[in-house]
């Protein structure tokens, strides 16, 4: 194997690892968002856990994470919670930083 082949293989492995960590961080962020939203919706215990799972599942409806933002914003609107889609997006960004840190720490 040449040096070039070894470098290429190394880049491929790093790309795969980065992609996996990104996926895990997004799923973690969505779970954290779901738990935050559940609290705002007055859900506790198993209901809060189930809601967070719904938020995680919402991410598979379409490409990107707008589907998650829209789900939470619609749920807030349906329950009369005065939190806008833009505020949900800000919270998603905050939680992404926390999720990345948690994934890197292995927690």
N, C-alpha and C. Protein backbone atom coordinates (compact mmCIF):
# COMPACT_ATOMS: atom_id res chain seq x y z
N UNK A 1 0.85 -1.17 0.00
CA UNK A 1 0.00 0.00 0.00
C UNK A 1 0.90 1.24 0.00
N UNK A 2 0.61 2.16 -0.89
CA UNK A 2 1.42 3.37 -0.99
C UNK A 2 1.03 4.37 0.09
N UNK A 3 1.85 5.36 0.26
CA UNK A 3 1.56 6.42 1.23
C UNK A 3 0.26 7.12 0.87
N UNK A 4 0.06 7.34 -0.43
CA UNK A 4 -1.17 7.98 -0.88
C UNK A 4 -2.39 7.14 -0.51
N UNK A 5 -2.31 5.83 -0.71
CA UNK A 5 -3.42 4.94 -0.38
C UNK A 5 -3.71 4.97 1.12
N UNK A 6 -2.65 5.00 1.92
CA UNK A 6 -2.81 5.06 3.37
C UNK A 6 -3.49 6.37 3.79
N UNK A 7 -3.07 7.47 3.17
CA UNK A 7 -3.69 8.77 3.48
C UNK A 7 -5.16 8.77 3.09
N UNK A 8 -5.43 8.24 1.90
CA UNK A 8 -6.82 8.19 1.43
C UNK A 8 -7.67 7.35 2.39
N UNK A 9 -7.16 6.23 2.80
CA UNK A 9 -7.88 5.36 3.74
C UNK A 9 -8.11 6.08 5.07
N UNK A 10 -7.10 6.83 5.52
CA UNK A 10 -7.23 7.59 6.76
C UNK A 10 -8.31 8.65 6.65
N UNK A 11 -8.36 9.36 5.51
CA UNK A 11 -9.40 10.37 5.31
C UNK A 11 -10.78 9.74 5.26
N UNK A 12 -10.88 8.58 4.62
CA UNK A 12 -12.17 7.89 4.55
C UNK A 12 -12.65 7.48 5.94
N UNK A 13 -11.75 6.97 6.75
CA UNK A 13 -12.11 6.56 8.11
C UNK A 13 -12.52 7.77 8.95
N UNK A 14 -11.79 8.88 8.79
CA UNK A 14 -12.14 10.10 9.53
C UNK A 14 -13.50 10.62 9.10
N UNK A 15 -13.77 10.59 7.81
CA UNK A 15 -15.06 11.04 7.30
C UNK A 15 -16.18 10.18 7.88
N UNK A 16 -15.98 8.87 7.89
CA UNK A 16 -16.99 7.96 8.43
C UNK A 16 -17.22 8.23 9.92
N UNK A 17 -16.14 8.44 10.66
CA UNK A 17 -16.25 8.72 12.09
C UNK A 17 -16.95 10.05 12.32
N UNK A 18 -16.57 11.07 11.56
CA UNK A 18 -17.21 12.39 11.69
C UNK A 18 -18.70 12.31 11.37
N UNK A 19 -19.05 11.56 10.33
CA UNK A 19 -20.46 11.41 9.95
C UNK A 19 -21.24 10.70 11.05
N UNK A 20 -20.64 9.67 11.62
CA UNK A 20 -21.30 8.93 12.70
C UNK A 20 -21.51 9.83 13.93
N UNK A 21 -20.48 10.60 14.28
CA UNK A 21 -20.59 11.49 15.43
C UNK A 21 -21.63 12.59 15.17
N UNK A 22 -21.71 13.08 13.95
CA UNK A 22 -22.70 14.10 13.61
C UNK A 22 -24.10 13.53 13.77
N UNK A 23 -24.32 12.31 13.27
CA UNK A 23 -25.61 11.65 13.40
C UNK A 23 -25.99 11.47 14.87
N UNK A 24 -25.04 10.99 15.66
CA UNK A 24 -25.30 10.78 17.09
C UNK A 24 -25.59 12.10 17.79
N UNK A 25 -24.84 13.14 17.45
CA UNK A 25 -25.06 14.45 18.07
C UNK A 25 -26.43 15.02 17.70
N UNK A 26 -26.84 14.85 16.45
CA UNK A 26 -28.16 15.35 16.04
C UNK A 26 -29.27 14.59 16.76
N UNK A 27 -29.11 13.27 16.87
CA UNK A 27 -30.11 12.47 17.59
C UNK A 27 -30.16 12.87 19.06
N UNK A 28 -28.99 13.10 19.67
CA UNK A 28 -28.93 13.53 21.06
C UNK A 28 -29.58 14.90 21.22
N UNK A 29 -29.27 15.82 20.30
CA UNK A 29 -29.88 17.15 20.34
C UNK A 29 -31.41 17.05 20.27
N UNK A 30 -31.90 16.20 19.39
CA UNK A 30 -33.34 16.05 19.24
C UNK A 30 -33.98 15.47 20.49
N UNK A 31 -33.29 14.55 21.13
CA UNK A 31 -33.79 14.00 22.40
C UNK A 31 -33.84 15.09 23.46
N UNK A 32 -32.76 15.86 23.57
CA UNK A 32 -32.73 16.95 24.55
C UNK A 32 -33.81 17.99 24.25
N UNK A 33 -34.00 18.29 22.96
CA UNK A 33 -35.04 19.23 22.56
C UNK A 33 -36.41 18.68 22.94
N UNK A 34 -36.62 17.40 22.71
CA UNK A 34 -37.89 16.78 23.06
C UNK A 34 -38.17 16.84 24.55
N UNK A 35 -37.15 16.62 25.37
CA UNK A 35 -37.32 16.70 26.82
C UNK A 35 -37.61 18.14 27.26
N UNK A 36 -36.92 19.10 26.64
CA UNK A 36 -37.17 20.52 26.93
C UNK A 36 -38.59 20.90 26.54
N UNK A 37 -39.00 20.49 25.34
CA UNK A 37 -40.34 20.81 24.86
C UNK A 37 -41.41 20.12 25.71
N UNK A 38 -41.13 18.89 26.11
CA UNK A 38 -42.09 18.16 26.96
C UNK A 38 -42.34 18.93 28.25
N UNK A 39 -41.28 19.47 28.83
CA UNK A 39 -41.42 20.26 30.06
C UNK A 39 -42.31 21.48 29.80
N UNK A 40 -42.10 22.15 28.67
CA UNK A 40 -42.91 23.32 28.32
C UNK A 40 -44.36 22.94 28.07
N UNK A 41 -44.58 21.71 27.60
CA UNK A 41 -45.93 21.22 27.33
C UNK A 41 -46.60 20.62 28.57
N UNK A 42 -45.87 20.59 29.68
CA UNK A 42 -46.42 20.05 30.92
C UNK A 42 -46.37 18.54 31.01
N UNK A 43 -45.53 17.90 30.21
CA UNK A 43 -45.40 16.44 30.24
C UNK A 43 -44.29 16.04 31.20
N UNK A 44 -44.51 14.96 31.91
CA UNK A 44 -43.50 14.45 32.85
C UNK A 44 -43.41 12.94 32.72
N UNK A 45 -42.37 12.38 33.31
CA UNK A 45 -42.22 10.93 33.37
C UNK A 45 -42.19 10.27 32.01
N UNK A 46 -42.97 9.18 31.90
CA UNK A 46 -43.00 8.41 30.66
C UNK A 46 -43.54 9.23 29.49
N UNK A 47 -44.49 10.11 29.77
CA UNK A 47 -45.05 10.95 28.70
C UNK A 47 -43.97 11.86 28.11
N UNK A 48 -43.09 12.39 28.95
CA UNK A 48 -42.00 13.24 28.47
C UNK A 48 -41.00 12.42 27.67
N UNK A 49 -40.69 11.22 28.14
CA UNK A 49 -39.77 10.34 27.42
C UNK A 49 -40.35 9.95 26.07
N UNK A 50 -41.62 9.60 26.04
CA UNK A 50 -42.28 9.24 24.79
C UNK A 50 -42.29 10.41 23.82
N UNK A 51 -42.54 11.60 24.33
CA UNK A 51 -42.55 12.78 23.46
C UNK A 51 -41.16 13.02 22.88
N UNK A 52 -40.12 12.86 23.68
CA UNK A 52 -38.76 13.06 23.16
C UNK A 52 -38.45 12.07 22.05
N UNK A 53 -38.98 10.86 22.17
CA UNK A 53 -38.79 9.85 21.11
C UNK A 53 -39.52 10.27 19.84
N UNK A 54 -40.69 10.89 19.98
CA UNK A 54 -41.43 11.40 18.82
C UNK A 54 -40.62 12.49 18.11
N UNK A 55 -39.97 13.33 18.89
CA UNK A 55 -39.16 14.41 18.30
C UNK A 55 -37.97 13.81 17.55
N UNK A 56 -37.33 12.81 18.12
CA UNK A 56 -36.21 12.14 17.44
C UNK A 56 -36.70 11.51 16.13
N UNK A 57 -37.84 10.86 16.18
CA UNK A 57 -38.39 10.20 14.98
C UNK A 57 -38.78 11.21 13.91
N UNK A 58 -39.18 12.41 14.32
CA UNK A 58 -39.59 13.44 13.36
C UNK A 58 -38.45 13.83 12.44
N UNK A 59 -37.22 13.63 12.88
CA UNK A 59 -36.07 14.01 12.07
C UNK A 59 -35.92 13.16 10.82
N UNK A 60 -36.61 12.04 10.75
CA UNK A 60 -36.49 11.15 9.61
C UNK A 60 -37.56 11.40 8.55
N UNK A 61 -38.40 12.42 8.75
CA UNK A 61 -39.48 12.71 7.82
C UNK A 61 -38.98 13.37 6.54
N UNK A 62 -37.98 14.24 6.63
CA UNK A 62 -37.43 14.90 5.45
C UNK A 62 -35.99 15.28 5.73
N UNK A 63 -35.27 15.63 4.69
CA UNK A 63 -33.87 16.00 4.85
C UNK A 63 -33.75 17.28 5.66
N UNK A 64 -32.68 17.39 6.42
CA UNK A 64 -32.48 18.56 7.26
C UNK A 64 -33.19 18.41 8.58
N UNK A 65 -33.13 19.47 9.38
CA UNK A 65 -33.77 19.39 10.70
C UNK A 65 -34.96 20.33 10.85
N UNK A 66 -35.43 20.87 9.74
CA UNK A 66 -36.61 21.73 9.79
C UNK A 66 -37.83 20.95 10.24
N UNK A 67 -37.88 19.65 9.91
CA UNK A 67 -39.00 18.82 10.33
C UNK A 67 -39.11 18.74 11.85
N UNK A 68 -37.98 18.71 12.53
CA UNK A 68 -37.98 18.68 13.99
C UNK A 68 -38.47 20.01 14.54
N UNK A 69 -37.93 21.08 14.01
CA UNK A 69 -38.35 22.42 14.43
C UNK A 69 -39.85 22.60 14.22
N UNK A 70 -40.35 22.20 13.06
CA UNK A 70 -41.77 22.36 12.76
C UNK A 70 -42.65 21.53 13.68
N UNK A 71 -42.23 20.31 13.99
CA UNK A 71 -43.02 19.46 14.88
C UNK A 71 -43.19 20.11 16.24
N UNK A 72 -42.08 20.55 16.81
CA UNK A 72 -42.14 21.16 18.14
C UNK A 72 -42.94 22.46 18.11
N UNK A 73 -42.72 23.29 17.10
CA UNK A 73 -43.45 24.56 17.00
C UNK A 73 -44.95 24.31 16.84
N UNK A 74 -45.34 23.32 16.04
CA UNK A 74 -46.76 22.99 15.86
C UNK A 74 -47.37 22.48 17.16
N UNK A 75 -46.61 21.64 17.88
CA UNK A 75 -47.10 21.11 19.15
C UNK A 75 -47.28 22.24 20.17
N UNK A 76 -46.35 23.18 20.18
CA UNK A 76 -46.48 24.34 21.06
C UNK A 76 -47.72 25.15 20.70
N UNK A 77 -47.91 25.40 19.41
CA UNK A 77 -49.06 26.18 18.97
C UNK A 77 -50.37 25.48 19.33
N UNK A 78 -50.41 24.18 19.17
CA UNK A 78 -51.62 23.41 19.48
C UNK A 78 -51.98 23.46 20.96
N UNK A 79 -50.97 23.58 21.81
CA UNK A 79 -51.20 23.62 23.26
C UNK A 79 -51.18 25.03 23.82
N UNK A 80 -51.03 26.03 22.94
CA UNK A 80 -51.05 27.41 23.39
C UNK A 80 -49.78 27.86 24.10
N UNK A 81 -48.68 27.17 23.85
CA UNK A 81 -47.39 27.55 24.44
C UNK A 81 -46.79 28.66 23.56
N UNK A 82 -46.50 29.78 24.17
CA UNK A 82 -46.05 30.97 23.42
C UNK A 82 -44.55 30.93 23.13
N UNK A 83 -44.13 29.95 22.37
CA UNK A 83 -42.74 29.84 21.93
C UNK A 83 -42.77 29.67 20.42
N UNK A 84 -42.12 30.59 19.72
CA UNK A 84 -42.16 30.60 18.25
C UNK A 84 -41.19 29.58 17.65
N UNK A 85 -41.36 29.35 16.35
CA UNK A 85 -40.46 28.46 15.63
C UNK A 85 -39.03 29.00 15.67
N UNK A 86 -38.88 30.31 15.62
CA UNK A 86 -37.55 30.91 15.69
C UNK A 86 -36.91 30.65 17.06
N UNK A 87 -37.70 30.69 18.11
CA UNK A 87 -37.18 30.40 19.45
C UNK A 87 -36.82 28.93 19.58
N UNK A 88 -37.59 28.06 18.92
CA UNK A 88 -37.26 26.63 18.91
C UNK A 88 -35.92 26.44 18.21
N UNK A 89 -35.69 27.13 17.10
CA UNK A 89 -34.43 27.03 16.36
C UNK A 89 -33.25 27.46 17.23
N UNK A 90 -33.42 28.55 17.99
CA UNK A 90 -32.35 29.01 18.88
C UNK A 90 -32.04 27.93 19.92
N UNK A 91 -33.09 27.33 20.47
CA UNK A 91 -32.90 26.27 21.46
C UNK A 91 -32.20 25.06 20.83
N UNK A 92 -32.56 24.74 19.58
CA UNK A 92 -31.91 23.64 18.88
C UNK A 92 -30.41 23.90 18.74
N UNK A 93 -30.07 25.12 18.40
CA UNK A 93 -28.65 25.47 18.25
C UNK A 93 -27.91 25.36 19.58
N UNK A 94 -28.54 25.82 20.66
CA UNK A 94 -27.93 25.71 21.99
C UNK A 94 -27.72 24.24 22.36
N UNK A 95 -28.74 23.44 22.12
CA UNK A 95 -28.66 22.04 22.50
C UNK A 95 -27.70 21.25 21.63
N UNK A 96 -27.47 21.71 20.40
CA UNK A 96 -26.52 21.03 19.52
C UNK A 96 -25.12 21.10 20.11
N UNK A 97 -24.77 22.25 20.64
CA UNK A 97 -23.45 22.40 21.27
C UNK A 97 -23.32 21.44 22.45
N UNK A 98 -24.36 21.34 23.25
CA UNK A 98 -24.34 20.42 24.40
C UNK A 98 -24.28 18.98 23.92
N UNK A 99 -25.03 18.66 22.87
CA UNK A 99 -25.06 17.29 22.36
C UNK A 99 -23.71 16.87 21.80
N UNK A 100 -23.05 17.76 21.07
CA UNK A 100 -21.72 17.48 20.53
C UNK A 100 -20.75 17.18 21.66
N UNK A 101 -20.80 17.99 22.70
CA UNK A 101 -19.91 17.78 23.86
C UNK A 101 -20.19 16.43 24.51
N UNK A 102 -21.47 16.08 24.65
CA UNK A 102 -21.83 14.81 25.27
C UNK A 102 -21.36 13.63 24.43
N UNK A 103 -21.55 13.71 23.12
CA UNK A 103 -21.12 12.62 22.24
C UNK A 103 -19.61 12.46 22.28
N UNK A 104 -18.88 13.57 22.25
CA UNK A 104 -17.41 13.49 22.28
C UNK A 104 -16.94 12.92 23.61
N UNK A 105 -17.69 13.22 24.69
CA UNK A 105 -17.32 12.72 26.02
C UNK A 105 -17.74 11.27 26.21
N UNK A 106 -18.57 10.77 25.29
CA UNK A 106 -19.02 9.39 25.38
C UNK A 106 -20.12 9.17 26.39
N UNK A 107 -20.86 10.25 26.72
CA UNK A 107 -21.95 10.09 27.69
C UNK A 107 -23.29 9.97 27.01
